[in-house]
Amino acid sequence: MAPTPSSLSQPYNLRCTLTFGDIYGQILIWMAVIFVSLAAGLALMGASRPLFALVGVGLILVLSLPFLLFAFTTTLLNHIALVPEPERRSPS
């Protein structure tokens, strides 16, 4: 069935149903990645390799950041919906 002109001009509301629980796991995993990289950096720092420590921590953070941003944005986009506005009745 083809859409009618009146259904094409129907107004829509933008709804976001994202809650903290939806991204909680992603935040915990990224915090674990940060703590593991810092622990590795401290271990290398104690082994008199400060340059390797800084490069290692920076590399881990730089490589993990795009995955974090991708996970956040896809989770956000999955919780955005266009909901048609209910039809308003004109007073008669």
C-alpha atoms as a PDB file:
ATOM      1  CA  MET A   1       0.000   0.000   0.000  1.00  0.00           C
ATOM      2  CA  ALA A   2       1.471   3.332  -1.051  1.00  0.00           C
ATOM      3  CA  PRO A   3       1.775   6.064   1.572  1.00  0.00           C
ATOM      4  CA  THR A   4      -0.721   8.864   1.281  1.00  0.00           C
ATOM      5  CA  PRO A   5       0.388  12.512   1.281  1.00  0.00           C
ATOM      6  CA  SER A   6      -1.191  13.071   4.700  1.00  0.00           C
ATOM      7  CA  SER A   7       0.858  10.230   6.254  1.00  0.00           C
ATOM      8  CA  LEU A   8       4.092  11.640   4.807  1.00  0.00           C
ATOM      9  CA  SER A   9       3.586  15.002   6.487  1.00  0.00           C
ATOM     10  CA  GLN A  10       2.805  13.482   9.877  1.00  0.00           C
ATOM     11  CA  PRO A  11       4.977  14.996  12.630  1.00  0.00           C
ATOM     12  CA  TYR A  12       7.344  12.745  14.561  1.00  0.00           C
ATOM     13  CA  ASN A  13       8.873  12.943  18.018  1.00  0.00           C
ATOM     14  CA  LEU A  14      12.486  11.990  18.642  1.00  0.00           C
ATOM     15  CA  ARG A  15      12.738   9.611  21.617  1.00  0.00           C
ATOM     16  CA  CYS A  16      15.941   8.467  23.290  1.00  0.00           C
ATOM     17  CA  THR A  17      15.578   5.524  25.657  1.00  0.00           C
ATOM     18  CA  LEU A  18      19.259   5.239  26.584  1.00  0.00           C
ATOM     19  CA  THR A  19      19.898   4.592  30.267  1.00  0.00           C
ATOM     20  CA  PHE A  20      23.091   4.297  32.262  1.00  0.00           C
ATOM     21  CA  GLY A  21      22.566   0.534  32.491  1.00  0.00           C
ATOM     22  CA  ASP A  22      22.882   0.268  28.716  1.00  0.00           C
ATOM     23  CA  ILE A  23      26.473   1.531  28.734  1.00  0.00           C
ATOM     24  CA  TYR A  24      27.531   0.385  32.205  1.00  0.00           C
ATOM     25  CA  GLY A  25      29.289  -2.747  30.927  1.00  0.00           C
ATOM     26  CA  GLN A  26      31.165  -0.793  28.265  1.00  0.00           C
ATOM     27  CA  ILE A  27      32.422   1.680  30.872  1.00  0.00           C
ATOM     28  CA  LEU A  28      33.577  -1.128  33.170  1.00  0.00           C
ATOM     29  CA  ILE A  29      35.450  -2.882  30.369  1.00  0.00           C
ATOM     30  CA  TRP A  30      37.197   0.308  29.272  1.00  0.00           C
ATOM     31  CA  MET A  31      38.153   1.099  32.880  1.00  0.00           C
ATOM     32  CA  ALA A  32      39.646  -2.385  33.125  1.00  0.00           C
ATOM     33  CA  VAL A  33      41.656  -1.719  29.951  1.00  0.00           C
ATOM     34  CA  ILE A  34      42.929   1.551  31.430  1.00  0.00           C
ATOM     35  CA  PHE A  35      43.929  -0.079  34.733  1.00  0.00           C
ATOM     36  CA  VAL A  36      45.693  -2.969  32.994  1.00  0.00           C
ATOM     37  CA  SER A  37      47.615  -0.568  30.763  1.00  0.00           C
ATOM     38  CA  LEU A  38      48.601   1.559  33.755  1.00  0.00           C
ATOM     39  CA  ALA A  39      49.709  -1.552  35.656  1.00  0.00           C
ATOM     40  CA  ALA A  40      51.803  -2.615  32.678  1.00  0.00           C
ATOM     41  CA  GLY A  41      53.243   0.894  32.463  1.00  0.00           C
ATOM     42  CA  LEU A  42      54.167   0.882  36.144  1.00  0.00           C
ATOM     43  CA  ALA A  43      55.763  -2.540  35.777  1.00  0.00           C
ATOM     44  CA  LEU A  44      57.870  -1.309  32.863  1.00  0.00           C
ATOM     45  CA  MET A  45      58.664   1.899  34.745  1.00  0.00           C
ATOM     46  CA  GLY A  46      60.009  -0.164  37.641  1.00  0.00           C
ATOM     47  CA  ALA A  47      62.112  -2.181  35.212  1.00  0.00           C
ATOM     48  CA  SER A  48      63.980   1.025  34.285  1.00  0.00           C
ATOM     49  CA  ARG A  49      62.210   1.285  30.909  1.00  0.00           C
ATOM     50  CA  PRO A  50      60.293   4.579  31.269  1.00  0.00           C
ATOM     51  CA  LEU A  51      60.113   5.244  27.535  1.00  0.00           C
ATOM     52  CA  PHE A  52      58.568   1.823  26.855  1.00  0.00           C
ATOM     53  CA  ALA A  53      56.127   2.428  29.718  1.00  0.00           C
ATOM     54  CA  LEU A  54      54.889   5.731  28.306  1.00  0.00           C
ATOM     55  CA  VAL A  55      54.687   4.413  24.755  1.00  0.00           C
ATOM     56  CA  GLY A  56      52.865   1.271  25.901  1.00  0.00           C
ATOM     57  CA  VAL A  57      50.236   3.125  27.937  1.00  0.00           C
ATOM     58  CA  GLY A  58      49.718   5.684  25.187  1.00  0.00           C
ATOM     59  CA  LEU A  59      49.434   3.021  22.514  1.00  0.00           C
ATOM     60  CA  ILE A  60      46.865   1.035  24.473  1.00  0.00           C
ATOM     61  CA  LEU A  61      44.752   4.117  25.177  1.00  0.00           C
ATOM     62  CA  VAL A  62      44.951   5.422  21.611  1.00  0.00           C
ATOM     63  CA  LEU A  63      44.061   2.039  20.129  1.00  0.00           C
ATOM     64  CA  SER A  64      41.189   1.372  22.539  1.00  0.00           C
ATOM     65  CA  LEU A  65      39.556   4.804  22.224  1.00  0.00           C
ATOM     66  CA  PRO A  66      38.054   4.264  18.726  1.00  0.00           C
ATOM     67  CA  PHE A  67      36.467   1.005  19.881  1.00  0.00           C
ATOM     68  CA  LEU A  68      34.991   2.763  22.901  1.00  0.00           C
ATOM     69  CA  LEU A  69      33.573   5.589  20.792  1.00  0.00           C
ATOM     70  CA  PHE A  70      32.162   3.120  18.257  1.00  0.00           C
ATOM     71  CA  ALA A  71      30.485   1.126  21.035  1.00  0.00           C
ATOM     72  CA  PHE A  72      28.998   4.261  22.620  1.00  0.00           C
ATOM     73  CA  THR A  73      27.697   5.724  19.379  1.00  0.00           C
ATOM     74  CA  THR A  74      26.169   2.473  18.140  1.00  0.00           C
ATOM     75  CA  THR A  75      24.510   1.920  21.521  1.00  0.00           C
ATOM     76  CA  LEU A  76      23.151   5.467  21.432  1.00  0.00           C
ATOM     77  CA  LEU A  77      21.875   5.130  17.867  1.00  0.00           C
ATOM     78  CA  ASN A  78      20.154   1.855  18.739  1.00  0.00           C
ATOM     79  CA  HIS A  79      18.171   3.667  21.439  1.00  0.00           C
ATOM     80  CA  ILE A  80      16.939   6.568  19.306  1.00  0.00           C
ATOM     81  CA  ALA A  81      13.545   6.211  17.698  1.00  0.00           C
ATOM     82  CA  LEU A  82      11.191   8.368  15.673  1.00  0.00           C
ATOM     83  CA  VAL A  83       7.714   8.010  17.155  1.00  0.00           C
ATOM     84  CA  PRO A  84       4.726   9.396  15.254  1.00  0.00           C
ATOM     85  CA  GLU A  85       2.825  12.049  17.173  1.00  0.00           C
ATOM     86  CA  PRO A  86      -0.695  11.056  18.057  1.00  0.00           C
ATOM     87  CA  GLU A  87      -3.323  12.730  15.960  1.00  0.00           C
ATOM     88  CA  ARG A  88      -4.917  15.690  17.680  1.00  0.00           C
ATOM     89  CA  ARG A  89      -8.632  16.071  17.443  1.00  0.00           C
ATOM     90  CA  SER A  90      -9.902  19.489  16.550  1.00  0.00           C
ATOM     91  CA  PRO A  91     -12.521  20.852  18.931  1.00  0.00           C
ATOM     92  CA  SER A  92     -15.925  20.791  17.314  1.00  0.00           C
END
